[in-house]
Structure formats: structure tokens, C-alpha cells
Amino acid sequence: MSSRTEVTTKYAKAYVSAPKKAKGKILDQVVEVTGWSRDNARRRLTQAAARPPGTGRQVATTARRPRGRKYSYDAVKVLQKVWATSGGQCGKYLAVSMPLHLDLLETHGEMAEDSHRYDPQVRQELLAMSPATIDRYLKPAKATDAITGISTTTAGPLLRTSITVRRAGDEVEAEPGFFEGDTVAHCGPTLKGEFAGTLNLTDVHTGWTYTRTIRNNAHTHILTGLKKAVHEIPFAVTGLDFDNGCEFLNHSVIDWAGSQGIYFTRSRPYQKNDQATIESKNGHHVRKYGFYYRYDTEAERRVLNRLWALANDRLNYLTPTIKPTGYGTTKTGRRRRLYDQPRTPLDRLLNWPGFDAATV
């Protein structure tokens, strides 16, 4: 680009003062050297001649003027607090749940310490922010954790051939009750010794999530976690879909599911998209609140289970999600995914005709 800029600067003054035929020859030379189209070369030469020469791309491009601040500094600071309270929701979801979060924070007096910043005017600014504006203002406040997790899935081939395979792209469930499940290992940087694991279940239709930390991945603890989940989830569990791990594909878990009338399926090996719903929850739910640290004591497991009770309430009652509804085309004819409007799992559950709201 710097070489192209030098060529543009060299021919710019001569181009604007040259007659029409000479301009054509200059354009031919610039196009041959730079590889630009004639229209692009003509525009670059005209722009370079209108300004004094500089270094780099500044000769051929106009410096972008910084965008003026539309919202007040107080609104940005309060936005950061609401974002942290919401669990770090993205702009598309936070714009939908903003009225709910503001009402709850006001009701519980959480805005009292920031009374010098929060007022009716700031509230109106927060409600008027678009999703893109929210993401832009929150960019400096967001941070990522460089630590990564370790997979502990061990294949269980004993019963694999007798279980139905559920693939990505299969027909989407039309009612709540079918859950995808997985475990997340809290092993830290090493797999040595015994460490805790978290059983994570997510309803495919509504996004309702249940999370519980167990001692390890032995089928006894897996079965205990599943029994508690069936008891505490406010609607009937009709199906379970797991990966090919031996903690799920064993006689104890399968026999229990059969006795409860729960349909049992599995994903294909090494196909993460078959369980896209639960895989996303493992990242932005379990890892977000439980991190990548090692937990291997009873006290730590109790703390995590108290945490999951609160985190699940936030996810199920306060966090909107979107669901794919089909495919469409863009203006240029390209195929694109279509999604519904963001709604919380509770709203999706209440909109289901067969659900009794009194059980929540």
C-alpha cells in the first residue's frame, strides 16, 4: 500500500493539470503499476491532488472524523453496572432485558450508591440504546480469560450401537422436555487425582438450564444429579441427549431413564454441532461463572451448587435468547438463518399451551 501511495502522490498533480488525452495515459500507467481499476485510480489521484502529500495511506484516503458522543458519561457508567449485574449479556440481549434489569435494581435499592449518576434522564438514555451502541460502549469493560479447559470424555462403546443417534439438523422439538446434557470437568491444568465435575442440562425448545456440581463422573453421581434435575425442573423431562461418554452410556443411567419413560439418544462421535445447545451453555454458563480452576473438595462443591442455583435463576428468568426458525435469503440471494425475537426461557415456557404457570 505504501508503494501504491507513492505512485499516486507522484502522478496526482500532473493528472489534474493534464489535458484529457494525457490523463488517459497517466491512468494507464497508474493502473499498470498498482493493479487498481481505472475508476479507483481516477478517484485516488483526484483525492491526492486535493490535499498536501503525506505518509502512508493518508495521501489517498480521508481521515475518518471521530463520532461524537450521543449518550452521557453517566449513562455509560450505569450501563457497565447493569451489564455486570446481567451476567455479561451481549448488546442484542441486554437491549431486550434492560427494562427488567433497571426495574429490579431500582426495587432492591442497588442504584442507591450511584444516585449521583442514575436519574430518569439516564434511564431514558439506557432504554434508547441500540444493541450495537451497547456493545460499542461496553467494549473497554469486557475482558477474556486466557485459561482453557481440558476434555475428559471417555468413549463408552458398550451400549453405543443400541442407542438412537440424534444429528444436527434433525427436526426441532415442538414442546419443552427434551434436554441436551454434558459434563464439565473442574480439573484445572491437570487430570491427576479426583476433581469435581458439573452436570449441565439444557432444554432444546425453551433454553431452560439446570446445573449441578458432582463429586466425579462415576455413574452413581451422574445418576444422583439426573434424579435431582428431574425433581427440580418445573416441567416433565421427556428426553435426554448425551455425547458418547461412558458416564452416560452405562446400564445404570439407561435403565433409570427407561423406568422413568425418558427417551434416550446420543450424538455422533467428534460432531460438536450435534449438541450445539449444550456446548454453548458449557462455555458461557459453566465456564463463565465457575471459571477454569480446579475444585476437588466438598466445601468447594457446596459453594458451586449454591452458585448454580443463583446463576440458573438469572439464565432462566432474566436472560433472553433467540431460536432459529428457518432459512431465508439476503438481498443478494445468499442463504441466511432466520431467528425469532429474543425471549427469556421463562417467557417461552409460559407461552407453551401445555404448561401450568402455577408450578414455577
Protein backbone atom coordinates (compact mmCIF):
# COMPACT_ATOMS: atom_id res chain seq x y z
CA MET A 1 0.00 0.00 0.00
CA SER A 2 2.85 2.41 0.74
CA SER A 3 4.26 1.83 -2.75
CA ARG A 4 0.85 2.49 -4.30
CA THR A 5 0.59 5.68 -2.25
CA GLU A 6 3.95 6.90 -3.55
CA VAL A 7 2.84 6.27 -7.13
CA THR A 8 -0.44 8.11 -6.50
CA THR A 9 1.35 11.09 -4.97
CA LYS A 10 3.83 11.22 -7.85
CA TYR A 11 1.20 11.41 -10.60
CA ALA A 12 -1.53 13.34 -8.73
CA LYS A 13 -0.54 16.92 -9.61
CA ALA A 14 0.28 16.02 -13.21
CA TYR A 15 -3.06 14.25 -13.62
CA VAL A 16 -5.30 17.13 -12.56
CA SER A 17 -3.48 19.66 -14.75
CA ALA A 18 -3.09 17.42 -17.82
CA PRO A 19 -5.44 17.52 -20.85
CA LYS A 20 -7.91 14.74 -21.43
CA LYS A 21 -5.69 12.52 -23.62
CA ALA A 22 -2.74 12.87 -21.25
CA LYS A 23 -4.97 11.93 -18.31
CA GLY A 24 -5.79 8.68 -20.08
CA LYS A 25 -2.11 7.82 -20.44
CA ILE A 26 -1.42 8.65 -16.79
CA LEU A 27 -4.32 6.44 -15.74
CA ASP A 28 -2.91 3.59 -17.86
CA GLN A 29 0.44 3.87 -16.08
CA VAL A 30 -1.09 4.00 -12.59
CA VAL A 31 -3.39 1.04 -13.31
CA GLU A 32 -0.48 -1.00 -14.67
CA VAL A 33 1.69 -0.35 -11.58
CA THR A 34 -0.93 -0.55 -8.82
CA GLY A 35 -3.41 -3.07 -10.20
CA TRP A 36 -6.35 -0.77 -9.39
CA SER A 37 -9.35 -0.32 -11.63
CA ARG A 38 -9.48 2.87 -13.68
CA ASP A 39 -12.31 4.30 -11.57
CA ASN A 40 -10.40 3.63 -8.36
CA ALA A 41 -7.18 5.07 -9.78
CA ARG A 42 -9.01 8.19 -11.01
CA ARG A 43 -10.58 8.72 -7.58
CA ARG A 44 -7.28 8.22 -5.75
CA LEU A 45 -5.41 10.65 -7.97
CA THR A 46 -8.10 13.31 -7.54
CA GLN A 47 -8.11 12.89 -3.76
CA ALA A 48 -4.31 13.01 -3.52
CA ALA A 49 -4.18 16.21 -5.58
CA ALA A 50 -6.73 17.92 -3.33
CA ARG A 51 -4.54 17.55 -0.22
CA PRO A 52 -0.86 18.09 0.52
CA PRO A 53 1.31 14.94 0.31
CA GLY A 54 1.68 12.82 3.44
CA THR A 55 2.95 9.44 4.52
CA GLY A 56 1.29 6.07 4.17
CA ARG A 57 -2.34 5.76 3.20
CA GLN A 58 -3.23 9.25 4.40
CA VAL A 59 -2.45 10.61 0.96
CA ALA A 60 -5.11 8.56 -0.78
CA THR A 61 -7.79 8.27 1.93
CA THR A 62 -9.71 10.75 4.00
CA ALA A 63 -9.18 10.54 7.74
CA ARG A 64 -12.40 9.49 9.46
CA ARG A 65 -13.76 12.03 11.90
CA PRO A 66 -14.41 10.54 15.36
CA ARG A 67 -18.06 10.02 16.15
CA GLY A 68 -19.49 12.40 18.71
CA ARG A 69 -20.77 11.00 21.99
CA LYS A 70 -24.53 10.56 21.80
CA TYR A 71 -25.06 9.38 25.36
CA SER A 72 -23.76 10.90 28.57
CA TYR A 73 -20.81 9.66 30.58
CA ASP A 74 -23.16 8.83 33.47
CA ALA A 75 -25.24 6.62 31.19
CA VAL A 76 -22.13 4.70 30.12
CA LYS A 77 -21.04 4.10 33.73
CA VAL A 78 -24.50 2.91 34.75
CA LEU A 79 -24.61 0.72 31.62
CA GLN A 80 -21.44 -1.02 32.80
CA LYS A 81 -23.04 -1.79 36.15
CA VAL A 82 -26.23 -3.13 34.55
CA TRP A 83 -24.14 -5.26 32.19
CA ALA A 84 -22.16 -6.74 35.09
CA THR A 85 -25.36 -7.41 37.01
CA SER A 86 -26.92 -9.14 34.00
CA GLY A 87 -24.06 -11.61 33.82
CA GLY A 88 -22.33 -10.03 30.84
CA GLN A 89 -25.11 -10.25 28.27
CA CYS A 90 -24.35 -9.14 24.72
CA GLY A 91 -25.93 -5.98 23.33
CA LYS A 92 -28.68 -7.81 21.43
CA TYR A 93 -29.94 -9.49 24.62
CA LEU A 94 -29.24 -6.63 27.03
CA ALA A 95 -31.30 -4.20 24.92
CA VAL A 96 -34.31 -6.50 25.36
CA SER A 97 -33.83 -7.17 29.09
CA MET A 98 -32.76 -3.62 30.00
CA PRO A 99 -36.20 -2.52 31.36
CA LEU A 100 -36.42 -5.65 33.51
CA HIS A 101 -32.92 -5.19 34.96
CA LEU A 102 -33.46 -1.49 35.68
CA ASP A 103 -36.76 -2.20 37.44
CA LEU A 104 -35.18 -4.91 39.61
CA LEU A 105 -32.15 -2.77 40.50
CA GLU A 106 -34.40 0.13 41.47
CA THR A 107 -36.71 -2.10 43.51
CA HIS A 108 -33.86 -3.61 45.51
CA GLY A 109 -32.04 -0.31 46.02
CA GLU A 110 -28.94 -1.32 44.03
CA MET A 111 -28.80 2.10 42.38
CA ALA A 112 -28.57 3.97 45.70
CA GLU A 113 -24.78 4.15 45.76
CA ASP A 114 -24.81 5.53 42.21
CA SER A 115 -27.61 8.03 42.85
CA HIS A 116 -25.34 10.85 41.64
CA ARG A 117 -25.24 9.13 38.22
CA TYR A 118 -28.59 7.37 37.88
CA ASP A 119 -31.66 9.51 37.31
CA PRO A 120 -34.72 9.47 34.99
CA GLN A 121 -32.71 11.03 32.17
CA VAL A 122 -30.04 8.31 32.39
CA ARG A 123 -32.77 5.66 32.41
CA GLN A 124 -34.23 7.06 29.20
CA GLU A 125 -30.79 7.01 27.60
CA LEU A 126 -30.24 3.36 28.58
CA LEU A 127 -33.63 2.33 27.19
CA ALA A 128 -32.91 4.17 23.93
CA MET A 129 -29.55 2.49 23.27
CA SER A 130 -29.39 0.09 20.33
CA PRO A 131 -27.64 -3.31 20.62
CA ALA A 132 -24.68 -2.10 18.54
CA THR A 133 -24.29 1.02 20.70
CA ILE A 134 -24.34 -1.09 23.87
CA ASP A 135 -21.60 -3.36 22.55
CA ARG A 136 -19.52 -0.37 21.47
CA TYR A 137 -19.73 1.37 24.83
CA LEU A 138 -19.03 -1.86 26.73
CA LYS A 139 -16.01 -2.87 24.68
CA PRO A 140 -13.43 -1.35 27.12
CA ALA A 141 -15.12 -3.09 30.08
CA LYS A 142 -15.07 -6.57 28.60
CA ALA A 143 -12.22 -8.98 29.29
CA THR A 144 -11.44 -12.59 28.36
CA ASP A 145 -9.81 -15.39 30.34
CA ALA A 146 -6.83 -16.97 28.60
CA ILE A 147 -7.11 -20.25 30.52
CA THR A 148 -8.67 -23.12 28.56
CA GLY A 149 -10.32 -26.35 29.67
CA ILE A 150 -9.41 -30.00 29.16
CA SER A 151 -11.75 -32.60 27.69
CA THR A 152 -12.30 -35.65 29.92
CA THR A 153 -14.78 -37.54 27.73
CA THR A 154 -14.02 -41.27 27.55
CA ALA A 155 -15.86 -43.22 24.88
CA GLY A 156 -18.37 -45.80 26.07
CA PRO A 157 -18.73 -48.29 23.17
CA LEU A 158 -20.57 -50.97 25.17
CA LEU A 159 -24.13 -49.70 24.54
CA ARG A 160 -23.48 -47.22 21.78
CA THR A 161 -24.92 -49.27 18.93
CA SER A 162 -28.23 -49.78 20.75
CA ILE A 163 -28.95 -46.06 21.27
CA THR A 164 -30.59 -43.81 18.68
CA VAL A 165 -28.31 -41.19 17.11
CA ARG A 166 -29.53 -37.60 17.06
CA ARG A 167 -27.81 -35.40 14.46
CA ALA A 168 -27.50 -31.68 13.93
CA GLY A 169 -30.25 -30.52 11.60
CA ASP A 170 -32.81 -33.06 12.80
CA GLU A 171 -36.35 -31.84 13.37
CA VAL A 172 -36.51 -29.34 16.23
CA GLU A 173 -38.62 -30.33 19.23
CA ALA A 174 -42.01 -28.59 19.24
CA GLU A 175 -42.51 -28.64 23.03
CA PRO A 176 -40.40 -28.45 26.21
CA GLY A 177 -38.97 -31.56 27.85
CA PHE A 178 -36.14 -32.74 25.59
CA PHE A 179 -32.79 -31.91 27.19
CA GLU A 180 -29.23 -32.00 25.91
CA GLY A 181 -26.70 -32.88 28.62
CA ASP A 182 -22.97 -32.82 29.21
CA THR A 183 -20.40 -32.66 31.99
CA VAL A 184 -17.72 -30.02 32.52
CA ALA A 185 -14.54 -31.02 34.34
CA HIS A 186 -13.14 -28.70 37.02
CA CYS A 187 -9.68 -30.24 36.81
CA GLY A 188 -7.60 -27.10 36.34
CA PRO A 189 -4.39 -27.70 34.36
CA THR A 190 -4.06 -31.43 35.17
CA LEU A 191 -6.20 -34.57 35.12
CA LYS A 192 -4.37 -36.19 38.04
CA GLY A 193 -6.34 -37.13 41.13
CA GLU A 194 -10.04 -36.72 41.81
CA PHE A 195 -11.77 -33.47 40.86
CA ALA A 196 -15.33 -32.21 40.68
CA GLY A 197 -17.46 -32.11 37.58
CA THR A 198 -20.59 -30.15 36.70
CA LEU A 199 -23.62 -31.80 35.14
CA ASN A 200 -25.27 -29.36 32.75
CA LEU A 201 -28.71 -29.84 31.15
CA THR A 202 -30.44 -27.51 28.69
CA ASP A 203 -33.91 -27.80 27.20
CA VAL A 204 -33.72 -27.53 23.42
CA HIS A 205 -37.13 -25.87 22.96
CA THR A 206 -37.06 -23.20 25.69
CA GLY A 207 -33.39 -22.96 26.70
CA TRP A 208 -34.23 -23.80 30.34
CA THR A 209 -30.98 -24.74 32.09
CA TYR A 210 -30.22 -26.90 35.11
CA THR A 211 -26.70 -27.15 36.53
CA ARG A 212 -25.29 -29.15 39.43
CA THR A 213 -21.74 -29.97 40.56
CA ILE A 214 -21.00 -33.59 41.48
CA ARG A 215 -18.01 -35.34 43.06
CA ASN A 216 -16.80 -37.02 39.86
CA ASN A 217 -18.13 -38.63 36.69
CA ALA A 218 -18.92 -42.01 38.24
CA HIS A 219 -22.31 -43.25 37.14
CA THR A 220 -23.54 -43.15 40.75
CA HIS A 221 -23.02 -39.38 40.97
CA ILE A 222 -24.33 -38.82 37.42
CA LEU A 223 -27.50 -40.70 38.32
CA THR A 224 -27.92 -38.68 41.53
CA GLY A 225 -27.60 -35.43 39.56
CA LEU A 226 -30.13 -36.58 36.95
CA LYS A 227 -32.66 -37.58 39.62
CA LYS A 228 -32.35 -34.15 41.29
CA ALA A 229 -32.75 -32.47 37.90
CA VAL A 230 -35.95 -34.37 37.10
CA HIS A 231 -37.31 -33.42 40.53
CA GLU A 232 -36.39 -29.70 40.41
CA ILE A 233 -37.11 -28.82 36.76
CA PRO A 234 -40.63 -27.31 36.72
CA PHE A 235 -41.87 -29.42 33.78
CA ALA A 236 -41.63 -33.04 32.73
CA VAL A 237 -38.34 -34.33 31.28
CA THR A 238 -39.28 -36.46 28.28
CA GLY A 239 -35.92 -36.97 26.58
CA LEU A 240 -32.17 -36.80 27.20
CA ASP A 241 -29.44 -36.46 24.60
CA PHE A 242 -25.79 -37.00 25.59
CA ASP A 243 -22.44 -37.47 23.93
CA ASN A 244 -20.67 -40.85 23.77
CA GLY A 245 -19.07 -40.62 27.22
CA CYS A 246 -19.11 -43.74 29.37
CA GLU A 247 -20.51 -41.72 32.30
CA PHE A 248 -23.83 -41.62 30.40
CA LEU A 249 -23.72 -44.76 28.25
CA ASN A 250 -23.98 -47.34 31.02
CA HIS A 251 -26.66 -49.74 32.25
CA SER A 252 -27.46 -47.77 35.42
CA VAL A 253 -28.29 -44.50 33.67
CA ILE A 254 -30.08 -46.11 30.73
CA ASP A 255 -32.16 -48.41 32.93
CA TRP A 256 -33.19 -45.46 35.11
CA ALA A 257 -34.18 -43.41 32.03
CA GLY A 258 -36.26 -46.32 30.76
CA SER A 259 -38.02 -46.71 34.10
CA GLN A 260 -38.93 -43.01 34.03
CA GLY A 261 -40.21 -43.12 30.45
CA ILE A 262 -37.40 -40.80 29.28
CA TYR A 263 -36.34 -41.17 25.65
CA PHE A 264 -32.55 -41.61 25.40
CA THR A 265 -30.42 -40.52 22.41
CA ARG A 266 -26.76 -39.78 21.72
CA SER A 267 -24.72 -37.63 19.35
CA ARG A 268 -22.21 -38.76 16.77
CA PRO A 269 -18.57 -39.05 17.88
CA TYR A 270 -16.47 -35.92 17.23
CA GLN A 271 -19.50 -33.96 15.99
CA LYS A 272 -19.91 -30.98 18.35
CA ASN A 273 -22.71 -29.47 16.27
CA ASP A 274 -24.96 -32.39 17.18
CA GLN A 275 -25.12 -30.84 20.67
CA ALA A 276 -24.74 -27.17 19.82
CA THR A 277 -27.21 -26.04 22.51
CA ILE A 278 -25.44 -27.62 25.47
CA GLU A 279 -21.95 -26.91 24.12
CA SER A 280 -22.72 -23.19 24.10
CA LYS A 281 -24.05 -23.38 27.68
CA ASN A 282 -20.85 -25.12 28.81
CA GLY A 283 -18.90 -22.09 27.71
CA HIS A 284 -20.96 -19.03 28.55
CA HIS A 285 -22.64 -20.50 31.64
CA VAL A 286 -20.45 -23.06 33.47
CA ARG A 287 -17.07 -21.63 32.49
CA LYS A 288 -18.26 -18.08 32.85
CA TYR A 289 -19.25 -18.49 36.50
CA GLY A 290 -17.11 -21.48 37.52
CA PHE A 291 -14.01 -20.49 35.52
CA TYR A 292 -11.27 -22.98 34.62
CA TYR A 293 -9.94 -23.52 38.14
CA ARG A 294 -9.59 -26.84 39.95
CA TYR A 295 -12.21 -27.82 42.53
CA ASP A 296 -11.74 -31.08 44.43
CA THR A 297 -13.11 -30.61 47.94
CA GLU A 298 -16.56 -30.99 49.48
CA ALA A 299 -16.61 -27.34 50.58
CA GLU A 300 -15.92 -26.16 47.03
CA ARG A 301 -18.70 -28.36 45.66
CA ARG A 302 -21.19 -26.90 48.14
CA VAL A 303 -20.21 -23.36 47.16
CA LEU A 304 -20.58 -24.18 43.46
CA ASN A 305 -24.05 -25.66 43.96
CA ARG A 306 -25.15 -22.53 45.82
CA LEU A 307 -23.76 -20.52 42.90
CA TRP A 308 -25.60 -22.60 40.28
CA ALA A 309 -28.94 -22.01 41.99
CA LEU A 310 -28.49 -18.26 41.52
CA ALA A 311 -26.88 -18.47 38.08
CA ASN A 312 -29.68 -20.71 36.79
CA ASP A 313 -32.30 -18.22 38.01
CA ARG A 314 -30.52 -15.44 36.14
CA LEU A 315 -30.31 -17.51 32.98
CA ASN A 316 -33.86 -18.88 33.10
CA TYR A 317 -35.71 -15.77 34.27
CA LEU A 318 -33.64 -12.75 33.20
CA THR A 319 -31.56 -13.70 30.13
CA PRO A 320 -33.24 -13.52 26.68
CA THR A 321 -32.23 -15.96 23.96
CA ILE A 322 -33.03 -16.39 20.27
CA LYS A 323 -34.06 -19.57 18.47
CA PRO A 324 -33.65 -20.45 14.78
CA THR A 325 -36.96 -20.54 12.90
CA GLY A 326 -35.83 -21.40 9.38
CA TYR A 327 -33.87 -20.08 6.42
CA GLY A 328 -34.27 -17.08 4.15
CA THR A 329 -32.30 -15.17 1.56
CA THR A 330 -30.49 -11.85 1.60
CA LYS A 331 -30.92 -9.10 -0.98
CA THR A 332 -28.09 -10.64 -2.96
CA GLY A 333 -29.66 -14.09 -2.91
CA ARG A 334 -27.40 -15.67 -0.29
CA ARG A 335 -28.92 -18.17 2.15
CA ARG A 336 -29.19 -16.94 5.73
CA ARG A 337 -30.53 -18.24 9.05
CA LEU A 338 -33.71 -16.69 10.46
CA TYR A 339 -34.29 -16.25 14.20
CA ASP A 340 -37.23 -15.27 16.37
CA GLN A 341 -37.35 -12.31 18.75
CA PRO A 342 -35.26 -12.56 21.95
CA ARG A 343 -37.23 -14.00 24.87
CA THR A 344 -36.29 -15.48 28.22
CA PRO A 345 -36.71 -19.24 28.80
CA LEU A 346 -39.49 -18.41 31.27
CA ASP A 347 -41.40 -16.45 28.62
CA ARG A 348 -41.05 -19.32 26.15
CA LEU A 349 -42.28 -21.74 28.81
CA LEU A 350 -45.28 -19.58 29.70
CA ASN A 351 -46.21 -19.28 26.02
CA TRP A 352 -46.37 -23.07 25.69
CA PRO A 353 -50.09 -24.04 25.77
CA GLY A 354 -49.50 -27.21 27.80
CA PHE A 355 -47.65 -25.55 30.69
CA ASP A 356 -49.17 -24.82 34.09
CA ALA A 357 -47.79 -21.47 35.25
CA ALA A 358 -48.58 -22.27 38.89
CA THR A 359 -45.70 -24.77 39.01
CA VAL A 360 -42.97 -22.14 38.53
